[in-house]
C-alpha atoms as a PDB file:
ATOM      1  CA  MET A   1     -12.694  34.669 132.724  1.00  0.00           C
ATOM      2  CA  GLN A   2     -14.401  31.756 132.911  1.00  0.00           C
ATOM      3  CA  VAL A   3     -14.575  32.516 137.121  1.00  0.00           C
ATOM      4  CA  MET A   4     -16.624  35.656 136.567  1.00  0.00           C
ATOM      5  CA  ALA A   5     -18.665  34.274 134.596  1.00  0.00           C
ATOM      6  CA  ASN A   6     -19.427  32.065 137.230  1.00  0.00           C
ATOM      7  CA  GLY A   7     -19.866  34.382 140.027  1.00  0.00           C
ATOM      8  CA  THR A   8     -22.498  36.791 137.886  1.00  0.00           C
ATOM      9  CA  ALA A   9     -24.140  33.481 137.171  1.00  0.00           C
ATOM     10  CA  VAL A  10     -24.359  32.601 141.058  1.00  0.00           C
ATOM     11  CA  ARG A  11     -25.264  35.800 142.147  1.00  0.00           C
ATOM     12  CA  LEU A  12     -28.267  35.923 139.400  1.00  0.00           C
ATOM     13  CA  ALA A  13     -29.308  32.563 140.877  1.00  0.00           C
ATOM     14  CA  ARG A  14     -29.743  33.778 144.053  1.00  0.00           C
ATOM     15  CA  THR A  15     -31.554  36.934 143.119  1.00  0.00           C
ATOM     16  CA  THR A  16     -34.314  34.386 141.524  1.00  0.00           C
ATOM     17  CA  ILE A  17     -34.676  32.071 144.428  1.00  0.00           C
ATOM     18  CA  ALA A  18     -35.183  35.084 146.791  1.00  0.00           C
ATOM     19  CA  LYS A  19     -37.906  36.686 144.405  1.00  0.00           C
ATOM     20  CA  ARG A  20     -39.898  33.147 143.900  1.00  0.00           C
ATOM     21  CA  LEU A  21     -39.942  32.790 147.883  1.00  0.00           C
ATOM     22  CA  ILE A  22     -40.874  36.512 148.100  1.00  0.00           C
ATOM     23  CA  ASN A  23     -43.470  35.907 145.247  1.00  0.00           C
ATOM     24  CA  PHE A  24     -44.994  32.377 147.656  1.00  0.00           C
ATOM     25  CA  VAL A  25     -44.943  34.080 150.475  1.00  0.00           C
ATOM     26  CA  LEU A  26     -47.379  36.332 149.126  1.00  0.00           C
ATOM     27  CA  SER A  27     -49.480  33.635 147.566  1.00  0.00           C
ATOM     28  CA  ASN A  28     -52.139  31.296 148.569  1.00  0.00           C
ATOM     29  CA  ARG A  29     -50.139  27.991 147.316  1.00  0.00           C
ATOM     30  CA  SER A  30     -50.660  24.593 149.078  1.00  0.00           C
ATOM     31  CA  GLN A  31     -48.312  22.948 151.325  1.00  0.00           C
ATOM     32  CA  LYS A  32     -47.615  20.444 148.362  1.00  0.00           C
ATOM     33  CA  GLN A  33     -47.016  23.172 145.895  1.00  0.00           C
ATOM     34  CA  ALA A  34     -44.716  24.632 148.960  1.00  0.00           C
ATOM     35  CA  THR A  35     -42.768  21.489 148.407  1.00  0.00           C
ATOM     36  CA  ARG A  36     -42.439  21.270 145.172  1.00  0.00           C
ATOM     37  CA  LEU A  37     -40.824  25.105 144.826  1.00  0.00           C
ATOM     38  CA  LEU A  38     -38.145  23.730 147.821  1.00  0.00           C
ATOM     39  CA  LEU A  39     -37.277  20.705 145.793  1.00  0.00           C
ATOM     40  CA  THR A  40     -36.398  23.350 142.838  1.00  0.00           C
ATOM     41  CA  SER A  41     -34.663  26.192 145.277  1.00  0.00           C
ATOM     42  CA  ALA A  42     -32.956  23.660 147.121  1.00  0.00           C
ATOM     43  CA  LEU A  43     -34.098  25.934 149.872  1.00  0.00           C
ATOM     44  CA  CYS A  44     -35.810  24.207 153.298  1.00  0.00           C
ATOM     45  CA  LEU A  45     -39.642  26.017 153.348  1.00  0.00           C
ATOM     46  CA  CYS A  46     -42.779  25.540 155.427  1.00  0.00           C
ATOM     47  CA  ALA A  47     -46.119  26.573 156.116  1.00  0.00           C
ATOM     48  CA  ALA A  48     -46.669  28.768 159.157  1.00  0.00           C
ATOM     49  CA  HIS A  49     -50.557  27.531 159.664  1.00  0.00           C
ATOM     50  CA  SER A  50     -52.167  27.642 163.279  1.00  0.00           C
ATOM     51  CA  ALA A  51     -52.774  23.771 163.521  1.00  0.00           C
ATOM     52  CA  ALA A  52     -48.687  22.911 162.910  1.00  0.00           C
ATOM     53  CA  GLN A  53     -47.966  25.637 165.730  1.00  0.00           C
ATOM     54  CA  SER A  54     -49.176  23.465 168.722  1.00  0.00           C
ATOM     55  CA  SER A  55     -47.755  20.416 167.382  1.00  0.00           C
ATOM     56  CA  ALA A  56     -44.190  21.571 166.497  1.00  0.00           C
ATOM     57  CA  PHE A  57     -44.161  23.197 169.230  1.00  0.00           C
ATOM     58  CA  ALA A  58     -44.876  20.497 171.544  1.00  0.00           C
ATOM     59  CA  ALA A  59     -41.828  18.598 170.715  1.00  0.00           C
ATOM     60  CA  THR A  60     -38.726  18.591 172.980  1.00  0.00           C
ATOM     61  CA  ARG A  61     -37.115  21.487 173.110  1.00  0.00           C
ATOM     62  CA  PRO A  62     -33.596  22.496 174.376  1.00  0.00           C
ATOM     63  CA  PRO A  63     -32.876  24.551 176.866  1.00  0.00           C
ATOM     64  CA  VAL A  64     -32.119  28.215 175.985  1.00  0.00           C
ATOM     65  CA  PRO A  65     -29.914  30.518 178.347  1.00  0.00           C
ATOM     66  CA  ASN A  66     -30.924  33.413 180.240  1.00  0.00           C
ATOM     67  CA  ALA A  67     -30.875  36.805 177.709  1.00  0.00           C
ATOM     68  CA  THR A  68     -28.403  38.774 177.422  1.00  0.00           C
ATOM     69  CA  LEU A  69     -27.711  41.602 175.340  1.00  0.00           C
ATOM     70  CA  PRO A  70     -26.910  40.762 171.287  1.00  0.00           C
ATOM     71  CA  THR A  71     -23.627  41.157 170.299  1.00  0.00           C
ATOM     72  CA  PHE A  72     -22.661  41.890 167.050  1.00  0.00           C
ATOM     73  CA  THR A  73     -18.745  40.508 165.660  1.00  0.00           C
ATOM     74  CA  LYS A  74     -17.482  38.938 162.652  1.00  0.00           C
ATOM     75  CA  ASP A  75     -17.396  35.614 163.782  1.00  0.00           C
ATOM     76  CA  VAL A  76     -21.071  35.289 165.006  1.00  0.00           C
ATOM     77  CA  GLN A  77     -24.442  36.312 163.166  1.00  0.00           C
ATOM     78  CA  GLU A  78     -27.399  36.936 164.849  1.00  0.00           C
ATOM     79  CA  VAL A  79     -30.693  37.247 163.422  1.00  0.00           C
ATOM     80  CA  ASN A  80     -32.688  40.269 165.314  1.00  0.00           C
ATOM     81  CA  LEU A  81     -36.852  39.427 164.988  1.00  0.00           C
ATOM     82  CA  VAL A  82     -39.330  41.776 166.293  1.00  0.00           C
ATOM     83  CA  LEU A  83     -42.591  39.733 167.417  1.00  0.00           C
ATOM     84  CA  THR A  84     -46.074  40.991 167.914  1.00  0.00           C
ATOM     85  CA  VAL A  85     -48.289  38.333 170.018  1.00  0.00           C
ATOM     86  CA  THR A  86     -52.263  37.963 170.307  1.00  0.00           C
ATOM     87  CA  ASN A  87     -55.121  36.118 171.537  1.00  0.00           C
ATOM     88  CA  TRP A  88     -57.816  34.750 169.773  1.00  0.00           C
ATOM     89  CA  LEU A  89     -59.597  37.934 170.662  1.00  0.00           C
ATOM     90  CA  GLY A  90     -57.066  40.479 169.668  1.00  0.00           C
ATOM     91  CA  HIS A  91     -55.399  41.332 172.644  1.00  0.00           C
ATOM     92  CA  PHE A  92     -51.439  41.726 173.139  1.00  0.00           C
ATOM     93  CA  VAL A  93     -50.027  38.513 175.412  1.00  0.00           C
ATOM     94  CA  LYS A  94     -47.353  39.906 176.819  1.00  0.00           C
ATOM     95  CA  ASP A  95     -45.965  37.390 179.050  1.00  0.00           C
ATOM     96  CA  LEU A  96     -44.089  34.963 177.252  1.00  0.00           C
ATOM     97  CA  ASN A  97     -40.804  34.042 177.613  1.00  0.00           C
ATOM     98  CA  GLU A  98     -38.101  32.737 175.624  1.00  0.00           C
ATOM     99  CA  THR A  99     -38.921  28.860 176.298  1.00  0.00           C
ATOM    100  CA  ASP A 100     -42.680  29.638 174.982  1.00  0.00           C
ATOM    101  CA  ILE A 101     -41.354  29.997 171.595  1.00  0.00           C
ATOM    102  CA  ARG A 102     -39.446  28.030 169.232  1.00  0.00           C
ATOM    103  CA  ILE A 103     -37.894  29.863 166.143  1.00  0.00           C
ATOM    104  CA  LEU A 104     -37.910  28.045 162.889  1.00  0.00           C
ATOM    105  CA  ASP A 105     -35.240  29.770 160.059  1.00  0.00           C
ATOM    106  CA  ASN A 106     -35.381  27.478 156.579  1.00  0.00           C
ATOM    107  CA  ASN A 107     -37.248  25.141 158.893  1.00  0.00           C
ATOM    108  CA  GLN A 108     -34.192  24.193 160.895  1.00  0.00           C
ATOM    109  CA  PRO A 109     -34.678  24.771 164.386  1.00  0.00           C
ATOM    110  CA  ALA A 110     -32.294  28.199 165.899  1.00  0.00           C
ATOM    111  CA  GLU A 111     -29.453  27.469 167.677  1.00  0.00           C
ATOM    112  CA  ARG A 112     -29.955  29.237 170.520  1.00  0.00           C
ATOM    113  CA  ILE A 113     -32.197  32.757 171.150  1.00  0.00           C
ATOM    114  CA  THR A 114     -29.490  35.453 172.562  1.00  0.00           C
ATOM    115  CA  TYR A 115     -31.518  38.141 173.719  1.00  0.00           C
ATOM    116  CA  PHE A 116     -35.627  37.887 174.682  1.00  0.00           C
ATOM    117  CA  GLN A 117     -37.326  41.265 175.979  1.00  0.00           C
ATOM    118  CA  THR A 118     -40.565  41.705 176.239  1.00  0.00           C
ATOM    119  CA  GLN A 119     -42.583  44.883 176.061  1.00  0.00           C
ATOM    120  CA  THR A 120     -39.163  46.249 173.787  1.00  0.00           C
ATOM    121  CA  ASN A 121     -38.207  49.569 175.062  1.00  0.00           C
ATOM    122  CA  LEU A 122     -35.685  49.850 172.039  1.00  0.00           C
ATOM    123  CA  PRO A 123     -35.357  53.215 170.474  1.00  0.00           C
ATOM    124  CA  LEU A 124     -38.058  53.098 167.393  1.00  0.00           C
ATOM    125  CA  ARG A 125     -36.798  54.542 163.497  1.00  0.00           C
ATOM    126  CA  VAL A 126     -40.320  55.739 161.924  1.00  0.00           C
ATOM    127  CA  GLY A 127     -40.997  56.582 158.459  1.00  0.00           C
ATOM    128  CA  ILE A 128     -43.980  58.505 157.755  1.00  0.00           C
ATOM    129  CA  VAL A 129     -44.852  57.668 154.253  1.00  0.00           C
ATOM    130  CA  ILE A 130     -47.719  59.779 153.183  1.00  0.00           C
ATOM    131  CA  ASP A 131     -49.868  59.519 149.726  1.00  0.00           C
ATOM    132  CA  ALA A 132     -50.032  63.181 148.542  1.00  0.00           C
ATOM    133  CA  SER A 133     -51.536  62.081 144.800  1.00  0.00           C
ATOM    134  CA  ALA A 134     -54.586  63.054 143.667  1.00  0.00           C
ATOM    135  CA  SER A 135     -56.613  60.349 144.382  1.00  0.00           C
ATOM    136  CA  VAL A 136     -56.355  61.150 148.550  1.00  0.00           C
ATOM    137  CA  THR A 137     -57.064  65.085 148.161  1.00  0.00           C
ATOM    138  CA  TYR A 138     -60.851  65.071 150.367  1.00  0.00           C
ATOM    139  CA  ARG A 139     -59.122  62.558 153.263  1.00  0.00           C
ATOM    140  CA  PHE A 140     -55.287  64.604 153.083  1.00  0.00           C
ATOM    141  CA  LYS A 141     -56.405  66.980 156.009  1.00  0.00           C
ATOM    142  CA  PHE A 142     -57.895  64.824 158.698  1.00  0.00           C
ATOM    143  CA  GLU A 143     -55.110  62.656 157.377  1.00  0.00           C
ATOM    144  CA  GLN A 144     -52.232  64.966 158.185  1.00  0.00           C
ATOM    145  CA  ARG A 145     -53.728  66.003 161.463  1.00  0.00           C
ATOM    146  CA  SER A 146     -53.888  62.046 162.410  1.00  0.00           C
ATOM    147  CA  ALA A 147     -50.245  61.704 161.759  1.00  0.00           C
ATOM    148  CA  SER A 148     -49.410  64.672 163.697  1.00  0.00           C
ATOM    149  CA  ALA A 149     -51.108  63.735 166.973  1.00  0.00           C
ATOM    150  CA  PHE A 150     -49.459  59.876 166.446  1.00  0.00           C
ATOM    151  CA  LEU A 151     -46.033  61.341 166.729  1.00  0.00           C
ATOM    152  CA  LYS A 152     -46.470  63.743 169.171  1.00  0.00           C
ATOM    153  CA  ARG A 153     -47.861  60.696 171.354  1.00  0.00           C
ATOM    154  CA  VAL A 154     -44.946  57.818 170.489  1.00  0.00           C
ATOM    155  CA  LEU A 155     -41.964  59.604 169.954  1.00  0.00           C
ATOM    156  CA  ARG A 156     -39.513  60.133 172.992  1.00  0.00           C
ATOM    157  CA  PRO A 157     -37.726  62.402 172.842  1.00  0.00           C
ATOM    158  CA  GLY A 158     -33.650  61.612 172.824  1.00  0.00           C
ATOM    159  CA  SER A 159     -34.534  58.214 172.369  1.00  0.00           C
ATOM    160  CA  ASP A 160     -37.115  57.627 169.217  1.00  0.00           C
ATOM    161  CA  SER A 161     -36.842  59.648 165.737  1.00  0.00           C
ATOM    162  CA  ALA A 162     -39.075  60.091 162.611  1.00  0.00           C
ATOM    163  CA  LEU A 163     -38.988  60.479 158.963  1.00  0.00           C
ATOM    164  CA  LEU A 164     -41.375  61.851 156.969  1.00  0.00           C
ATOM    165  CA  VAL A 165     -42.011  60.920 153.429  1.00  0.00           C
ATOM    166  CA  SER A 166     -44.417  61.979 150.565  1.00  0.00           C
ATOM    167  CA  PHE A 167     -45.651  60.610 147.491  1.00  0.00           C
ATOM    168  CA  ASN A 168     -47.132  61.082 144.115  1.00  0.00           C
ATOM    169  CA  GLU A 169     -45.841  59.553 141.021  1.00  0.00           C
ATOM    170  CA  GLN A 170     -42.731  60.420 142.723  1.00  0.00           C
ATOM    171  CA  ALA A 171     -41.170  60.091 146.866  1.00  0.00           C
ATOM    172  CA  GLN A 172     -39.436  62.936 148.388  1.00  0.00           C
ATOM    173  CA  LEU A 173     -37.731  63.329 151.461  1.00  0.00           C
ATOM    174  CA  VAL A 174     -40.011  65.709 153.161  1.00  0.00           C
ATOM    175  CA  HIS A 175     -38.218  65.981 156.635  1.00  0.00           C
ATOM    176  CA  ALA A 176     -35.219  64.314 157.548  1.00  0.00           C
ATOM    177  CA  THR A 177     -35.011  62.423 161.069  1.00  0.00           C
ATOM    178  CA  THR A 178     -35.528  64.063 164.243  1.00  0.00           C
ATOM    179  CA  ASP A 179     -36.970  63.206 167.153  1.00  0.00           C
ATOM    180  CA  ASN A 180     -38.898  66.865 166.908  1.00  0.00           C
ATOM    181  CA  TYR A 181     -42.442  66.172 166.330  1.00  0.00           C
ATOM    182  CA  LYS A 182     -43.219  69.443 165.568  1.00  0.00           C
ATOM    183  CA  LEU A 183     -40.655  69.824 163.091  1.00  0.00           C
ATOM    184  CA  LEU A 184     -42.224  67.146 161.037  1.00  0.00           C
ATOM    185  CA  SER A 185     -46.230  68.096 162.026  1.00  0.00           C
ATOM    186  CA  GLY A 186     -45.126  71.913 160.187  1.00  0.00           C
ATOM    187  CA  SER A 187     -43.440  70.045 157.295  1.00  0.00           C
ATOM    188  CA  MET A 188     -46.674  68.110 156.837  1.00  0.00           C
ATOM    189  CA  THR A 189     -48.871  71.371 156.691  1.00  0.00           C
ATOM    190  CA  SER A 190     -47.091  72.199 153.756  1.00  0.00           C
ATOM    191  CA  LEU A 191     -48.107  69.129 151.601  1.00  0.00           C
ATOM    192  CA  LYS A 192     -50.824  69.643 148.607  1.00  0.00           C
ATOM    193  CA  PRO A 193     -52.242  66.545 146.868  1.00  0.00           C
ATOM    194  CA  GLY A 194     -52.230  65.860 143.344  1.00  0.00           C
ATOM    195  CA  GLY A 195     -50.886  63.373 140.633  1.00  0.00           C
ATOM    196  CA  GLU A 196     -50.489  60.312 140.129  1.00  0.00           C
ATOM    197  CA  THR A 197     -49.663  56.962 142.430  1.00  0.00           C
ATOM    198  CA  ALA A 198     -46.376  55.279 143.173  1.00  0.00           C
ATOM    199  CA  VAL A 199     -47.125  53.110 146.089  1.00  0.00           C
ATOM    200  CA  TYR A 200     -44.430  50.377 145.556  1.00  0.00           C
ATOM    201  CA  ASP A 201     -41.753  53.134 145.270  1.00  0.00           C
ATOM    202  CA  ALA A 202     -41.924  55.160 147.889  1.00  0.00           C
ATOM    203  CA  VAL A 203     -42.301  52.043 150.304  1.00  0.00           C
ATOM    204  CA  ALA A 204     -38.652  51.291 148.681  1.00  0.00           C
ATOM    205  CA  PHE A 205     -37.952  54.732 149.242  1.00  0.00           C
ATOM    206  CA  GLY A 206     -38.712  54.932 152.516  1.00  0.00           C
ATOM    207  CA  CYS A 207     -37.214  52.050 153.787  1.00  0.00           C
ATOM    208  CA  ASN A 208     -34.072  52.379 152.163  1.00  0.00           C
ATOM    209  CA  GLU A 209     -34.160  55.895 153.770  1.00  0.00           C
ATOM    210  CA  LEU A 210     -34.677  54.010 157.286  1.00  0.00           C
ATOM    211  CA  ALA A 211     -31.739  52.009 156.199  1.00  0.00           C
ATOM    212  CA  LYS A 212     -29.417  55.212 156.286  1.00  0.00           C
ATOM    213  CA  LEU A 213     -29.812  55.314 160.002  1.00  0.00           C
ATOM    214  CA  HIS A 214     -26.820  53.739 161.554  1.00  0.00           C
ATOM    215  CA  ASP A 215     -27.572  52.746 165.450  1.00  0.00           C
ATOM    216  CA  GLY A 216     -24.667  52.004 167.432  1.00  0.00           C
ATOM    217  CA  ASN A 217     -27.431  49.759 169.538  1.00  0.00           C
ATOM    218  CA  PRO A 218     -30.292  47.652 168.525  1.00  0.00           C
ATOM    219  CA  ALA A 219     -33.494  50.017 167.203  1.00  0.00           C
ATOM    220  CA  ARG A 220     -36.993  49.046 165.342  1.00  0.00           C
ATOM    221  CA  ARG A 221     -37.578  50.206 161.796  1.00  0.00           C
ATOM    222  CA  THR A 222     -40.964  51.185 161.902  1.00  0.00           C
ATOM    223  CA  LEU A 223     -42.850  52.435 158.620  1.00  0.00           C
ATOM    224  CA  ILE A 224     -46.325  53.880 158.226  1.00  0.00           C
ATOM    225  CA  LEU A 225     -47.778  53.778 154.836  1.00  0.00           C
ATOM    226  CA  ILE A 226     -51.240  56.121 154.549  1.00  0.00           C
ATOM    227  CA  THR A 227     -52.635  55.506 151.378  1.00  0.00           C
ATOM    228  CA  ASP A 228     -55.723  53.612 149.494  1.00  0.00           C
ATOM    229  CA  GLY A 229     -53.377  51.653 147.419  1.00  0.00           C
ATOM    230  CA  GLU A 230     -53.971  52.116 143.948  1.00  0.00           C
ATOM    231  CA  ASP A 231     -50.912  51.839 142.452  1.00  0.00           C
ATOM    232  CA  ASN A 232     -50.823  53.384 138.517  1.00  0.00           C
ATOM    233  CA  HIS A 233     -47.103  54.775 138.648  1.00  0.00           C
ATOM    234  CA  SER A 234     -44.264  52.718 140.213  1.00  0.00           C
ATOM    235  CA  ARG A 235     -41.431  51.425 138.419  1.00  0.00           C
ATOM    236  CA  LEU A 236     -41.688  48.757 140.871  1.00  0.00           C
ATOM    237  CA  ASN A 237     -43.653  45.954 141.843  1.00  0.00           C
ATOM    238  CA  LEU A 238     -45.307  44.409 145.056  1.00  0.00           C
ATOM    239  CA  GLU A 239     -42.248  41.623 145.869  1.00  0.00           C
ATOM    240  CA  GLN A 240     -39.723  44.390 145.137  1.00  0.00           C
ATOM    241  CA  ALA A 241     -41.472  46.377 147.581  1.00  0.00           C
ATOM    242  CA  VAL A 242     -41.861  43.497 150.324  1.00  0.00           C
ATOM    243  CA  GLU A 243     -38.003  42.765 149.399  1.00  0.00           C
ATOM    244  CA  SER A 244     -36.814  46.566 150.472  1.00  0.00           C
ATOM    245  CA  ALA A 245     -38.403  46.443 153.401  1.00  0.00           C
ATOM    246  CA  LEU A 246     -37.125  43.246 154.533  1.00  0.00           C
ATOM    247  CA  ARG A 247     -33.456  44.124 153.430  1.00  0.00           C
ATOM    248  CA  ALA A 248     -34.067  47.053 155.929  1.00  0.00           C
ATOM    249  CA  GLU A 249     -35.507  44.915 158.630  1.00  0.00           C
ATOM    250  CA  THR A 250     -38.484  47.023 158.457  1.00  0.00           C
ATOM    251  CA  ILE A 251     -42.035  46.583 159.667  1.00  0.00           C
ATOM    252  CA  VAL A 252     -44.395  47.738 157.409  1.00  0.00           C
ATOM    253  CA  TYR A 253     -48.284  49.181 158.397  1.00  0.00           C
ATOM    254  CA  VAL A 254     -50.679  50.140 156.157  1.00  0.00           C
ATOM    255  CA  LEU A 255     -53.334  52.617 156.915  1.00  0.00           C
ATOM    256  CA  SER A 256     -55.742  51.986 153.794  1.00  0.00           C
ATOM    257  CA  THR A 257     -58.063  55.228 153.322  1.00  0.00           C
ATOM    258  CA  ASN A 258     -60.572  53.240 151.150  1.00  0.00           C
ATOM    259  CA  PRO A 259     -63.922  53.198 152.064  1.00  0.00           C
ATOM    260  CA  ALA A 260     -65.662  49.719 153.643  1.00  0.00           C
ATOM    261  CA  TYR A 261     -67.981  49.611 150.542  1.00  0.00           C
ATOM    262  CA  SER A 262     -65.068  50.816 148.208  1.00  0.00           C
ATOM    263  CA  THR A 263     -64.988  49.915 144.352  1.00  0.00           C
ATOM    264  CA  ASP A 264     -63.266  46.757 143.043  1.00  0.00           C
ATOM    265  CA  LEU A 265     -60.454  48.996 142.049  1.00  0.00           C
ATOM    266  CA  GLY A 266     -60.134  49.897 145.870  1.00  0.00           C
ATOM    267  CA  GLU A 267     -60.543  46.263 146.971  1.00  0.00           C
ATOM    268  CA  MET A 268     -57.532  45.242 144.488  1.00  0.00           C
ATOM    269  CA  GLY A 269     -55.500  47.920 146.055  1.00  0.00           C
ATOM    270  CA  ASP A 270     -56.141  46.571 149.820  1.00  0.00           C
ATOM    271  CA  THR A 271     -55.525  43.344 148.927  1.00  0.00           C
ATOM    272  CA  TYR A 272     -52.299  44.291 147.697  1.00  0.00           C
ATOM    273  CA  MET A 273     -51.466  46.063 150.795  1.00  0.00           C
ATOM    274  CA  LYS A 274     -52.330  43.780 153.265  1.00  0.00           C
ATOM    275  CA  ARG A 275     -49.913  41.289 151.616  1.00  0.00           C
ATOM    276  CA  LEU A 276     -47.114  43.938 151.907  1.00  0.00           C
ATOM    277  CA  ALA A 277     -47.948  44.610 155.113  1.00  0.00           C
ATOM    278  CA  GLU A 278     -48.079  40.604 156.701  1.00  0.00           C
ATOM    279  CA  ALA A 279     -45.040  40.083 154.378  1.00  0.00           C
ATOM    280  CA  THR A 280     -43.295  42.735 156.988  1.00  0.00           C
ATOM    281  CA  GLY A 281     -44.726  41.464 160.281  1.00  0.00           C
ATOM    282  CA  GLY A 282     -47.491  44.572 160.096  1.00  0.00           C
ATOM    283  CA  ARG A 283     -50.709  44.833 159.392  1.00  0.00           C
ATOM    284  CA  LEU A 284     -53.412  46.941 157.129  1.00  0.00           C
ATOM    285  CA  LEU A 285     -55.637  49.140 158.972  1.00  0.00           C
ATOM    286  CA  ARG A 286     -58.872  50.811 157.908  1.00  0.00           C
ATOM    287  CA  ALA A 287     -58.805  54.605 158.131  1.00  0.00           C
ATOM    288  CA  ASP A 288     -61.377  56.293 155.778  1.00  0.00           C
ATOM    289  CA  THR A 289     -62.476  59.001 158.220  1.00  0.00           C
ATOM    290  CA  GLU A 290     -61.072  61.112 160.715  1.00  0.00           C
ATOM    291  CA  ASP A 291     -61.674  59.096 163.748  1.00  0.00           C
ATOM    292  CA  ASP A 292     -60.706  55.656 161.802  1.00  0.00           C
ATOM    293  CA  PHE A 293     -57.730  57.779 161.589  1.00  0.00           C
ATOM    294  CA  GLY A 294     -57.095  58.290 165.125  1.00  0.00           C
ATOM    295  CA  ARG A 295     -58.124  54.661 166.562  1.00  0.00           C
ATOM    296  CA  ALA A 296     -55.872  53.065 164.010  1.00  0.00           C
ATOM    297  CA  PHE A 297     -52.794  55.206 164.906  1.00  0.00           C
ATOM    298  CA  ALA A 298     -53.830  54.539 168.396  1.00  0.00           C
ATOM    299  CA  LYS A 299     -53.377  50.565 167.824  1.00  0.00           C
ATOM    300  CA  ILE A 300     -50.124  50.933 166.058  1.00  0.00           C
ATOM    301  CA  GLY A 301     -49.271  53.008 169.277  1.00  0.00           C
ATOM    302  CA  ARG A 302     -49.834  50.462 171.458  1.00  0.00           C
ATOM    303  CA  GLU A 303     -48.422  47.489 169.451  1.00  0.00           C
ATOM    304  CA  LEU A 304     -45.390  49.190 169.307  1.00  0.00           C
ATOM    305  CA  ARG A 305     -45.153  49.022 173.209  1.00  0.00           C
ATOM    306  CA  ASN A 306     -45.904  45.658 173.332  1.00  0.00           C
ATOM    307  CA  GLN A 307     -43.806  43.792 171.194  1.00  0.00           C
ATOM    308  CA  TYR A 308     -41.004  41.143 172.029  1.00  0.00           C
ATOM    309  CA  ALA A 309     -37.516  41.890 170.880  1.00  0.00           C
ATOM    310  CA  ILE A 310     -35.294  38.813 170.187  1.00  0.00           C
ATOM    311  CA  ALA A 311     -32.396  38.167 168.758  1.00  0.00           C
ATOM    312  CA  TYR A 312     -30.892  34.393 167.501  1.00  0.00           C
ATOM    313  CA  LYS A 313     -28.060  32.690 166.526  1.00  0.00           C
ATOM    314  CA  PRO A 314     -28.934  30.864 163.254  1.00  0.00           C
ATOM    315  CA  PRO A 315     -28.752  27.008 162.506  1.00  0.00           C
ATOM    316  CA  LEU A 316     -25.815  28.103 159.968  1.00  0.00           C
ATOM    317  CA  GLY A 317     -23.078  29.716 161.411  1.00  0.00           C
ATOM    318  CA  ARG A 318     -22.155  31.510 158.216  1.00  0.00           C
ATOM    319  CA  PRO A 319     -24.308  34.181 155.961  1.00  0.00           C
ATOM    320  CA  ASP A 320     -24.851  32.064 152.837  1.00  0.00           C
ATOM    321  CA  GLY A 321     -26.570  35.486 151.241  1.00  0.00           C
ATOM    322  CA  LEU A 322     -29.697  33.750 150.362  1.00  0.00           C
ATOM    323  CA  PHE A 323     -33.702  34.609 151.636  1.00  0.00           C
ATOM    324  CA  HIS A 324     -34.122  32.710 154.428  1.00  0.00           C
ATOM    325  CA  ARG A 325     -37.880  32.059 155.492  1.00  0.00           C
ATOM    326  CA  LEU A 326     -38.484  32.225 159.105  1.00  0.00           C
ATOM    327  CA  ILE A 327     -41.882  30.960 161.316  1.00  0.00           C
ATOM    328  CA  VAL A 328     -42.258  31.133 165.014  1.00  0.00           C
ATOM    329  CA  LEU A 329     -44.023  28.630 166.506  1.00  0.00           C
ATOM    330  CA  GLY A 330     -45.986  30.124 170.530  1.00  0.00           C
ATOM    331  CA  PRO A 331     -48.454  28.212 172.402  1.00  0.00           C
ATOM    332  CA  LYS A 332     -51.645  27.244 171.086  1.00  0.00           C
ATOM    333  CA  ARG A 333     -54.614  29.644 170.108  1.00  0.00           C
ATOM    334  CA  LEU A 334     -51.475  32.635 169.729  1.00  0.00           C
ATOM    335  CA  ARG A 335     -51.319  34.866 166.813  1.00  0.00           C
ATOM    336  CA  MET A 336     -47.516  35.416 165.452  1.00  0.00           C
ATOM    337  CA  TYR A 337     -47.058  38.609 163.492  1.00  0.00           C
ATOM    338  CA  HIS A 338     -43.490  38.691 162.322  1.00  0.00           C
ATOM    339  CA  ARG A 339     -41.528  39.483 159.048  1.00  0.00           C
ATOM    340  CA  VAL A 340     -42.133  35.998 156.681  1.00  0.00           C
ATOM    341  CA  GLY A 341     -37.914  36.317 156.462  1.00  0.00           C
ATOM    342  CA  TYR A 342     -34.858  37.949 155.561  1.00  0.00           C
ATOM    343  CA  PHE A 343     -31.805  38.152 153.794  1.00  0.00           C
ATOM    344  CA  ALA A 344     -28.561  36.607 154.980  1.00  0.00           C
ATOM    345  CA  SER A 345     -26.335  38.939 153.306  1.00  0.00           C
ATOM    346  CA  LYS A 346     -22.487  37.858 152.906  1.00  0.00           C
END
């Protein structure tokens, strides 16, 4: 009985630590406060600031072997990472190689990079999660048209696939995974807005649906959330929504339907949605008109085709069951978009 009690205590402690680390990522604490959190949680954590990137990257790096296809065995754990890199103008940087970056896993250098592919053609697994609550009624039609146009442009039959989720106070799977954009578009036209808004529950629901897709080969999971972010009915909170995305290895892009002159409530929704997106390696994009929707979807489409697919062996050989903070260092003045960490499940 004592052994069972100890095991339960350990699991609870690990869950508490993971939640505290995610809370840190979603907050704006100083580096000094981060150090205190490190001491109390017995985990390594460092702040990902641009200035620190350039100085740390200048340090001597061990040679990196040529990229090979990632392997997944019981003896060797590999961590997958999708990376988007832009310059100070926001243009995609497409010519980096594995010697140009350095990965820190809980502030420890990765043992080695095992796979590195630029402008990746890895299959896409896309979840369209569309807000069908009453608060988006007047924008709903062009949300549907823009999402349909995006799927038509991005999905490659036989390689990529997508699913459709709608939500108000409850999330529902409108159409299961398919590579046929016409089926998804047809299902989209049947949706009618109304009801309350449970954004965080819908994010977790969509990520769980994507996680059910078991690919024999590496693939990228992306969730595109269309909403005003004004949650008033979720059982889950922001922290739990982020955790769901990280566990499902899913990048979240948020298309905010709030206008630029939005109210305090709209600004609060955008603030939370920005934290959600950036914690997973995605972005918040403004989309309150039909033209804005078209531009936002086009930008996501370009980004999905200009990402780096990376796999690396972490410094600790065996998974410890804890949340690991990730930092990617690169050349000066470049911005790296990636998920803030992962759960090293045993």
